[in-house]
């Protein structure tokens, strides 16, 4: 057992509390992105298919395989092996003359056109081999996904069962793909924070222990109610996420500790769009629970 180690990633314009100094920044790399401006090491957060894109940028127009793969504007990720090649070409064109990314975050396909993990990895393997030719040191991480306005299928990799299967098959194929574990999205697949008991929150994390060697990154964020009573994601703290149920927040923090207590440094992306104070509250919860920010 060793203290969990987190590598803070700068997210948008949010500032960490004093004493935490990120040395890597997340940059947007979705399909409407036309350029990036890195000022140091960076993680490229590629297309995540939540909603429709314009798909009109010169970078996408030059790659009709990507441009055409959509349903009502929502990109259909990993549509084919040709799509995987073109996706690599998009990233290379987006990076352009800048230094290569330290990390490329990717996202799973929908299961209406890519029904199995083997199907996905057949396509991903083409991408990984091609990307290594350009950026041999870049680490590729897949983020589990749950929410989208896409109609036709669901994200192929979203819950603990599919994450475990993915890691098993990735290892068997000798691929380098890692996992960026998005904890709130994982809990969403099980019904969300209000429907889960404290025990179920902890269990959702602990069942991933067989694949923790593949977990290279951690996404954490809150939810809160707006003045009109609407739930707003990527805002608030862990307290507002669990609506003040302290036992569930504690179960989350203890579950994360038990999952990540191997001393391996992992990227920490605080996807907080609200305030610096909300980010500070989440970071403080982690440090108070024994996590160490490098």
Protein backbone atom coordinates (compact mmCIF):
# COMPACT_ATOMS: atom_id res chain seq x y z
CA UNK A 1 0.00 0.00 0.00
CA UNK A 2 1.40 3.40 -1.00
CA UNK A 3 0.09 6.95 -1.05
CA UNK A 4 -1.88 7.71 -4.23
CA UNK A 5 0.03 10.17 -6.43
CA UNK A 6 -1.69 12.73 -8.67
CA UNK A 7 -0.18 14.86 -11.43
CA UNK A 8 -2.30 18.03 -11.59
CA UNK A 9 -3.45 19.04 -15.07
CA UNK A 10 -4.44 22.66 -15.74
CA UNK A 11 -8.06 22.68 -16.93
CA UNK A 12 -9.39 25.73 -18.78
CA UNK A 13 -8.71 28.83 -16.67
CA UNK A 14 -9.34 27.23 -13.30
CA UNK A 15 -6.65 27.78 -10.69
CA UNK A 16 -5.60 25.19 -8.14
CA UNK A 17 -5.27 26.15 -4.48
CA UNK A 18 -1.86 27.31 -3.19
CA UNK A 19 0.80 24.61 -3.17
CA UNK A 20 -0.50 22.74 -6.25
CA UNK A 21 1.32 23.74 -9.43
CA UNK A 22 0.29 22.00 -12.67
CA UNK A 23 3.03 21.52 -15.25
CA UNK A 24 0.78 20.07 -17.95
CA UNK A 25 -2.33 21.62 -19.51
CA UNK A 26 -5.38 20.12 -21.19
CA UNK A 27 -6.07 21.52 -24.66
CA UNK A 28 -9.24 21.09 -26.70
CA UNK A 29 -8.84 18.93 -29.80
CA UNK A 30 -12.44 18.29 -30.88
CA UNK A 31 -13.48 18.26 -34.52
CA UNK A 32 -14.32 21.97 -34.70
CA UNK A 33 -10.91 22.93 -33.31
CA UNK A 34 -8.77 24.64 -35.94
CA UNK A 35 -5.54 25.26 -33.99
CA UNK A 36 -3.86 24.86 -30.62
CA UNK A 37 -1.46 27.12 -28.73
CA UNK A 38 0.49 25.05 -26.21
CA UNK A 39 2.78 26.89 -23.79
CA UNK A 40 4.38 23.74 -22.40
CA UNK A 41 3.53 20.04 -22.00
CA UNK A 42 -0.08 19.32 -22.87
CA UNK A 43 -2.78 16.69 -23.03
CA UNK A 44 -4.92 16.82 -26.17
CA UNK A 45 -8.58 16.13 -25.37
CA UNK A 46 -9.94 14.87 -28.66
CA UNK A 47 -13.53 14.67 -29.94
CA UNK A 48 -15.92 13.27 -27.32
CA UNK A 49 -19.25 13.22 -29.24
CA UNK A 50 -21.58 14.84 -26.74
CA UNK A 51 -23.44 16.97 -29.25
CA UNK A 52 -23.38 18.09 -32.89
CA UNK A 53 -20.35 19.76 -34.46
CA UNK A 54 -20.23 22.12 -37.42
CA UNK A 55 -17.67 19.85 -39.15
CA UNK A 56 -16.71 22.66 -41.50
CA UNK A 57 -13.16 23.51 -40.45
CA UNK A 58 -10.40 23.20 -43.06
CA UNK A 59 -8.83 20.37 -41.06
CA UNK A 60 -12.01 18.28 -41.19
CA UNK A 61 -12.88 19.29 -44.76
CA UNK A 62 -9.56 17.80 -45.82
CA UNK A 63 -10.58 14.46 -44.26
CA UNK A 64 -14.00 13.52 -45.69
CA UNK A 65 -13.93 10.14 -43.88
CA UNK A 66 -14.21 12.05 -40.61
CA UNK A 67 -16.55 14.72 -41.95
CA UNK A 68 -19.05 12.18 -43.26
CA UNK A 69 -19.07 9.99 -40.15
CA UNK A 70 -21.83 11.61 -38.14
CA UNK A 71 -25.48 11.28 -37.21
CA UNK A 72 -27.25 14.65 -37.23
CA UNK A 73 -23.90 16.30 -36.66
CA UNK A 74 -22.78 14.14 -33.72
CA UNK A 75 -19.46 12.55 -34.71
CA UNK A 76 -19.46 8.76 -34.98
CA UNK A 77 -16.09 7.89 -33.50
CA UNK A 78 -14.18 4.82 -34.73
CA UNK A 79 -16.52 4.26 -37.68
CA UNK A 80 -13.95 2.14 -39.57
CA UNK A 81 -10.24 1.47 -39.94
CA UNK A 82 -10.12 4.19 -42.58
CA UNK A 83 -11.68 6.53 -40.01
CA UNK A 84 -8.94 5.59 -37.52
CA UNK A 85 -6.23 6.50 -40.05
CA UNK A 86 -7.93 9.81 -40.81
CA UNK A 87 -8.33 10.53 -37.09
CA UNK A 88 -4.58 10.23 -36.65
CA UNK A 89 -4.08 12.54 -39.62
CA UNK A 90 -6.42 15.10 -38.02
CA UNK A 91 -4.40 15.09 -34.79
CA UNK A 92 -1.12 15.43 -36.69
CA UNK A 93 -2.52 18.37 -38.69
CA UNK A 94 -3.88 20.01 -35.52
CA UNK A 95 -0.54 19.71 -33.73
CA UNK A 96 1.15 21.11 -36.85
CA UNK A 97 4.59 22.55 -35.99
CA UNK A 98 4.01 22.54 -32.24
CA UNK A 99 5.73 20.05 -29.94
CA UNK A 100 3.92 16.70 -29.80
CA UNK A 101 1.32 16.10 -27.07
CA UNK A 102 2.34 14.22 -23.94
CA UNK A 103 -1.13 12.63 -23.85
CA UNK A 104 -3.92 12.10 -26.36
CA UNK A 105 -7.31 11.43 -24.77
CA UNK A 106 -9.74 9.51 -26.94
CA UNK A 107 -13.31 8.36 -26.43
CA UNK A 108 -15.29 5.22 -27.24
CA UNK A 109 -17.54 4.58 -30.23
CA UNK A 110 -21.29 4.08 -30.15
CA UNK A 111 -22.47 0.49 -30.20
CA UNK A 112 -24.90 0.78 -33.11
CA UNK A 113 -22.05 0.68 -35.64
CA UNK A 114 -19.25 -0.73 -33.44
CA UNK A 115 -20.96 -3.41 -31.33
CA UNK A 116 -18.00 -5.14 -29.65
CA UNK A 117 -14.75 -4.21 -27.95
CA UNK A 118 -12.89 -6.39 -30.44
CA UNK A 119 -14.41 -4.33 -33.27
CA UNK A 120 -13.24 -1.14 -31.58
CA UNK A 121 -9.73 -2.41 -30.94
CA UNK A 122 -9.38 -3.60 -34.54
CA UNK A 123 -9.84 0.04 -35.51
CA UNK A 124 -7.92 1.51 -32.60
CA UNK A 125 -4.86 -0.65 -33.36
CA UNK A 126 -4.61 1.03 -36.77
CA UNK A 127 -4.69 4.42 -35.09
CA UNK A 128 -2.11 3.51 -32.43
CA UNK A 129 0.39 2.18 -34.96
CA UNK A 130 -0.01 5.23 -37.18
CA UNK A 131 0.21 7.71 -34.29
CA UNK A 132 3.42 6.10 -32.99
CA UNK A 133 5.05 6.93 -36.30
CA UNK A 134 4.49 10.62 -35.61
CA UNK A 135 4.48 10.90 -31.82
CA UNK A 136 6.21 7.81 -30.40
CA UNK A 137 6.25 9.15 -26.83
CA UNK A 138 2.60 10.22 -26.65
CA UNK A 139 0.44 8.26 -24.23
CA UNK A 140 -3.07 7.43 -25.47
CA UNK A 141 -5.83 7.25 -22.83
CA UNK A 142 -9.46 6.34 -23.33
CA UNK A 143 -12.06 8.12 -21.21
CA UNK A 144 -15.21 6.18 -20.28
CA UNK A 145 -18.32 8.03 -21.50
CA UNK A 146 -21.99 8.00 -20.61
CA UNK A 147 -23.80 11.16 -21.75
CA UNK A 148 -24.65 12.25 -25.30
CA UNK A 149 -27.58 13.54 -27.32
CA UNK A 150 -26.72 10.90 -29.96
CA UNK A 151 -29.69 8.75 -30.91
CA UNK A 152 -29.06 5.33 -32.36
CA UNK A 153 -26.73 3.68 -29.88
CA UNK A 154 -24.90 4.03 -26.59
CA UNK A 155 -21.24 4.47 -25.79
CA UNK A 156 -19.55 1.08 -26.02
CA UNK A 157 -17.30 1.62 -22.99
CA UNK A 158 -19.03 3.30 -20.07
CA UNK A 159 -19.27 1.12 -16.97
CA UNK A 160 -17.07 -1.13 -14.86
CA UNK A 161 -17.90 -4.26 -16.84
CA UNK A 162 -16.86 -2.79 -20.18
CA UNK A 163 -13.78 -1.11 -18.70
CA UNK A 164 -12.59 -4.42 -17.26
CA UNK A 165 -13.23 -6.22 -20.55
CA UNK A 166 -11.43 -3.49 -22.49
CA UNK A 167 -8.33 -3.70 -20.28
CA UNK A 168 -8.24 -7.50 -20.55
CA UNK A 169 -8.45 -7.46 -24.35
CA UNK A 170 -5.97 -4.57 -24.67
CA UNK A 171 -3.42 -6.52 -22.63
CA UNK A 172 -3.99 -9.64 -24.69
CA UNK A 173 -3.33 -7.71 -27.89
CA UNK A 174 -0.24 -5.98 -26.58
CA UNK A 175 -1.63 -2.50 -27.18
CA UNK A 176 -0.51 0.56 -25.24
CA UNK A 177 -3.95 2.05 -24.57
CA UNK A 178 -4.52 3.32 -21.04
CA UNK A 179 -7.63 4.54 -19.20
CA UNK A 180 -8.59 8.04 -18.09
CA UNK A 181 -11.17 7.12 -15.47
CA UNK A 182 -14.04 9.62 -15.30
CA UNK A 183 -15.57 8.87 -11.91
CA UNK A 184 -18.85 10.84 -12.20
CA UNK A 185 -19.58 9.31 -15.61
CA UNK A 186 -18.90 5.86 -14.18
CA UNK A 187 -21.43 6.49 -11.39
CA UNK A 188 -23.95 7.86 -13.90
CA UNK A 189 -24.07 4.49 -15.64
CA UNK A 190 -25.15 2.95 -12.31
CA UNK A 191 -27.95 5.42 -11.70
CA UNK A 192 -26.15 8.49 -10.40
CA UNK A 193 -25.14 9.75 -6.96
CA UNK A 194 -28.65 10.02 -5.49
CA UNK A 195 -29.72 6.48 -6.38
CA UNK A 196 -26.53 4.80 -5.18
CA UNK A 197 -25.77 3.87 -1.59
CA UNK A 198 -22.38 4.64 -0.04
CA UNK A 199 -21.49 0.96 -0.36
CA UNK A 200 -22.38 0.95 -4.07
CA UNK A 201 -20.25 4.06 -4.67
CA UNK A 202 -17.20 2.39 -3.13
CA UNK A 203 -17.89 -0.93 -4.86
CA UNK A 204 -18.10 0.73 -8.29
CA UNK A 205 -14.48 1.81 -7.84
CA UNK A 206 -13.10 -1.25 -6.11
CA UNK A 207 -14.33 -3.61 -8.84
CA UNK A 208 -11.88 -1.85 -11.19
CA UNK A 209 -8.86 -2.93 -9.14
CA UNK A 210 -7.91 -5.77 -11.54
CA UNK A 211 -7.27 -3.16 -14.24
CA UNK A 212 -5.75 -0.36 -12.20
CA UNK A 213 -2.40 -0.78 -13.96
CA UNK A 214 -4.15 0.55 -17.07
CA UNK A 215 -5.66 3.53 -15.23
CA UNK A 216 -3.29 6.39 -16.04
CA UNK A 217 -5.60 9.35 -15.43
CA UNK A 218 -8.46 10.46 -13.21
CA UNK A 219 -11.30 12.87 -14.02
CA UNK A 220 -13.29 14.31 -11.14
CA UNK A 221 -15.95 17.02 -11.01
CA UNK A 222 -19.10 18.02 -9.22
CA UNK A 223 -22.74 18.80 -9.87
CA UNK A 224 -24.99 21.37 -8.27
CA UNK A 225 -28.49 22.77 -8.52
CA UNK A 226 -28.98 26.03 -10.37
CA UNK A 227 -31.24 28.79 -9.05
CA UNK A 228 -33.99 27.31 -11.20
CA UNK A 229 -33.47 23.87 -9.69
CA UNK A 230 -31.79 22.36 -12.72
CA UNK A 231 -28.81 20.07 -12.13
CA UNK A 232 -25.64 21.51 -13.66
CA UNK A 233 -22.78 19.12 -14.40
CA UNK A 234 -19.10 20.08 -14.16
CA UNK A 235 -19.98 22.63 -11.48
CA UNK A 236 -19.90 22.63 -7.72
CA UNK A 237 -18.04 20.29 -5.39
CA UNK A 238 -18.23 16.71 -4.18
CA UNK A 239 -20.54 17.94 -1.41
CA UNK A 240 -23.02 19.35 -3.91
CA UNK A 241 -22.53 16.29 -6.13
CA UNK A 242 -23.82 14.06 -3.32
CA UNK A 243 -26.25 16.74 -2.09
CA UNK A 244 -24.64 16.83 1.34
CA UNK A 245 -24.65 13.06 1.96
CA UNK A 246 -21.25 12.90 3.65
CA UNK A 247 -21.15 9.09 3.85
CA UNK A 248 -21.28 8.84 0.05
CA UNK A 249 -18.52 11.41 -0.42
CA UNK A 250 -16.38 9.54 2.07
CA UNK A 251 -17.10 6.27 0.27
CA UNK A 252 -15.95 7.85 -3.00
CA UNK A 253 -12.70 9.14 -1.50
CA UNK A 254 -11.96 5.88 0.30
CA UNK A 255 -12.80 3.87 -2.82
CA UNK A 256 -10.44 5.98 -4.90
CA UNK A 257 -7.70 5.56 -2.28
CA UNK A 258 -8.08 1.77 -2.28
CA UNK A 259 -8.13 1.68 -6.09
CA UNK A 260 -5.07 3.89 -6.58
CA UNK A 261 -2.89 3.10 -3.56
CA UNK A 262 -0.01 1.65 -5.60
CA UNK A 263 2.16 4.79 -5.66
CA UNK A 264 1.84 5.18 -9.44
CA UNK A 265 1.56 8.84 -10.52
CA UNK A 266 -1.67 9.49 -12.44
CA UNK A 267 -2.90 12.54 -14.29
CA UNK A 268 -5.64 14.44 -12.46
CA UNK A 269 -8.06 16.45 -14.62
CA UNK A 270 -10.53 18.53 -12.55
CA UNK A 271 -13.31 19.12 -15.07
CA UNK A 272 -14.76 22.02 -13.07
CA UNK A 273 -16.34 24.80 -15.13
CA UNK A 274 -17.74 26.81 -12.23
CA UNK A 275 -15.22 28.49 -9.88
CA UNK A 276 -11.69 28.21 -8.52
CA UNK A 277 -13.25 27.72 -5.08
CA UNK A 278 -15.08 24.62 -6.29
CA UNK A 279 -11.84 23.20 -7.70
CA UNK A 280 -10.07 24.01 -4.43
CA UNK A 281 -12.74 22.16 -2.45
CA UNK A 282 -12.30 18.99 -4.54
CA UNK A 283 -8.49 19.20 -4.36
CA UNK A 284 -8.66 19.72 -0.59
CA UNK A 285 -10.94 16.70 -0.19
CA UNK A 286 -8.30 14.62 -1.96
CA UNK A 287 -5.33 15.95 0.03
CA UNK A 288 -7.26 15.61 3.30
CA UNK A 289 -7.87 11.96 2.34
CA UNK A 290 -4.13 11.37 1.85
CA UNK A 291 -3.67 11.92 -1.87
CA UNK A 292 -0.46 13.68 -2.83
CA UNK A 293 -0.24 16.15 -5.69
CA UNK A 294 3.15 16.09 -7.35
